[in-house]
Protein backbone atom coordinates (compact mmCIF):
# COMPACT_ATOMS: atom_id res chain seq x y z
CA GLU A 1 95.85 115.66 138.67
CA LEU A 2 93.98 118.59 137.15
CA ASP A 3 92.66 117.88 133.67
CA ARG A 4 90.33 119.56 131.16
CA ARG A 5 87.38 119.38 133.58
CA GLU A 6 89.22 121.67 136.00
CA THR A 7 91.21 123.77 133.52
CA GLY A 8 88.55 124.21 130.84
CA ARG A 9 91.36 123.79 128.29
CA PRO A 10 93.40 120.89 126.91
CA TYR A 11 96.04 121.12 129.66
CA VAL A 12 96.92 118.55 132.26
CA PHE A 13 98.64 119.47 135.54
CA SER A 14 100.03 116.78 137.80
CA ARG A 15 101.74 116.70 141.18
CA PRO A 16 105.48 116.14 140.71
CA GLY A 17 105.52 114.22 143.99
CA GLY A 18 104.72 114.52 147.66
CA SER A 19 101.46 114.33 149.53
CA PRO A 20 98.48 116.61 148.87
CA GLY A 21 98.70 119.58 151.20
CA ALA A 22 102.37 118.97 152.01
CA ALA A 23 104.36 119.58 148.82
CA ALA A 24 106.11 122.85 147.96
CA CYS A 25 107.34 123.20 144.37
CA ARG A 26 111.05 122.88 143.64
CA GLY A 27 113.15 122.84 140.48
CA ARG A 28 115.29 119.79 139.82
CA ASN A 29 115.52 118.54 143.43
CA ALA A 30 114.03 119.20 146.87
CA THR A 31 116.46 122.05 147.65
CA ASP A 32 116.27 123.81 144.25
CA ASP A 33 114.11 126.86 145.06
CA LEU A 34 115.58 129.79 143.13
CA ARG A 35 113.40 132.92 143.26
CA ALA A 36 114.01 133.36 139.51
CA TYR A 37 111.85 130.28 138.82
CA TYR A 38 108.56 131.82 139.96
CA ARG A 39 106.51 134.93 140.56
CA ARG A 40 104.49 135.13 143.79
CA VAL A 41 100.92 136.46 143.69
CA ARG A 42 99.21 137.33 146.98
CA ARG A 43 95.53 137.39 147.95
CA VAL A 44 94.52 134.44 145.78
CA PRO A 45 91.46 132.97 147.56
CA HIS A 46 91.58 129.34 146.36
CA LEU A 47 93.43 126.75 144.32
CA ARG A 48 91.17 127.20 141.27
CA ALA A 49 92.00 130.93 141.21
CA CYS A 50 95.72 130.06 141.26
CA LEU A 51 95.18 127.61 138.39
CA ALA A 52 93.33 130.33 136.45
CA ARG A 53 96.24 132.76 136.97
CA CYS A 54 98.64 130.15 135.63
CA LEU A 55 96.49 129.53 132.56
CA GLU A 56 96.43 133.29 131.87
CA GLU A 57 100.22 133.39 131.56
CA SER A 58 101.73 131.77 128.48
CA ARG A 59 105.03 131.02 130.25
CA CYS A 60 103.46 129.35 133.29
CA ALA A 61 104.75 125.77 133.52
CA GLY A 62 103.39 125.00 136.98
CA PHE A 63 102.09 126.54 140.17
CA GLU A 64 102.20 126.25 143.93
CA TYR A 65 99.31 127.22 146.18
CA ALA A 66 99.33 127.88 149.94
CA PRO A 67 95.71 128.29 151.11
CA ALA A 68 96.53 129.50 154.63
CA HIS A 69 98.52 132.41 153.16
CA GLU A 70 96.36 132.82 150.02
CA GLU A 71 99.60 132.81 148.00
CA CYS A 72 100.11 131.48 144.52
CA GLU A 73 103.52 130.97 142.92
CA LEU A 74 103.48 130.92 139.13
CA TRP A 75 106.44 128.89 137.92
CA GLY A 76 108.18 129.60 134.58
CA LEU A 77 110.28 126.47 135.07
CA ARG A 78 108.33 123.23 135.28
CA PRO A 79 108.61 121.97 138.88
CA ARG A 80 110.21 118.53 138.80
CA ALA A 81 110.56 117.98 142.54
CA VAL A 82 108.90 118.99 145.80
CA ALA A 83 109.93 119.69 149.37
CA GLU A 84 107.74 118.25 152.13
CA VAL A 85 106.23 121.41 153.59
CA GLU A 86 102.79 121.38 155.24
CA GLY A 87 100.22 123.74 153.77
CA PHE A 88 101.45 123.78 150.16
CA ASP A 89 100.30 122.09 146.94
CA CYS A 90 102.39 121.90 143.78
CA PHE A 91 101.21 121.21 140.22
CA ALA A 92 103.38 120.91 137.10
CA LEU A 93 102.14 121.36 133.55
CA LEU A 94 102.37 118.14 131.60
CA GLY A 95 100.89 119.67 128.45
CA PRO A 96 97.84 118.78 126.44
CA PRO A 97 96.68 115.16 126.49
CA GLU A 98 98.09 112.83 123.87
CA GLY A 99 96.85 113.64 120.37
CA GLU A 100 95.71 117.20 121.18
CA SER A 101 97.40 120.40 120.11
CA ASP A 102 98.63 123.13 122.43
CA PRO A 103 96.71 126.22 121.24
CA ASP A 104 98.86 128.67 123.23
CA GLN A 105 102.17 126.89 122.57
CA ARG A 106 102.56 127.10 126.35
CA ARG A 107 106.17 126.33 127.12
CA GLY A 108 108.21 127.80 129.92
CA PRO A 109 111.93 127.18 130.46
CA GLY A 110 112.36 123.56 131.37
CA GLY A 111 108.74 122.90 130.44
CA PRO A 112 107.28 120.33 128.09
CA PRO A 113 109.13 119.71 124.83
């Protein structure tokens, strides 16, 4: 889980499943990987940089990071499932912690209510 300590904002990201380092983001199930769900960004040097890119985009509802490829996928649909793929990490936006407001009204399709 990535919380305010990592994000610097009142957002919480959590893994929708799988093992750290072996979970590629998917939509509603492990085979749901439509290209329309995400935008790929290359030459992202580390997970924190991928997180920062997601926080910069108001429609980002999750992200996937592949350190060996330095690739970051910014998901407009909140990932609800993962596929077991070595070398990938997936995080889904859960929203601000209970009792806190969402200053950006960050909601992508399929994202938090």
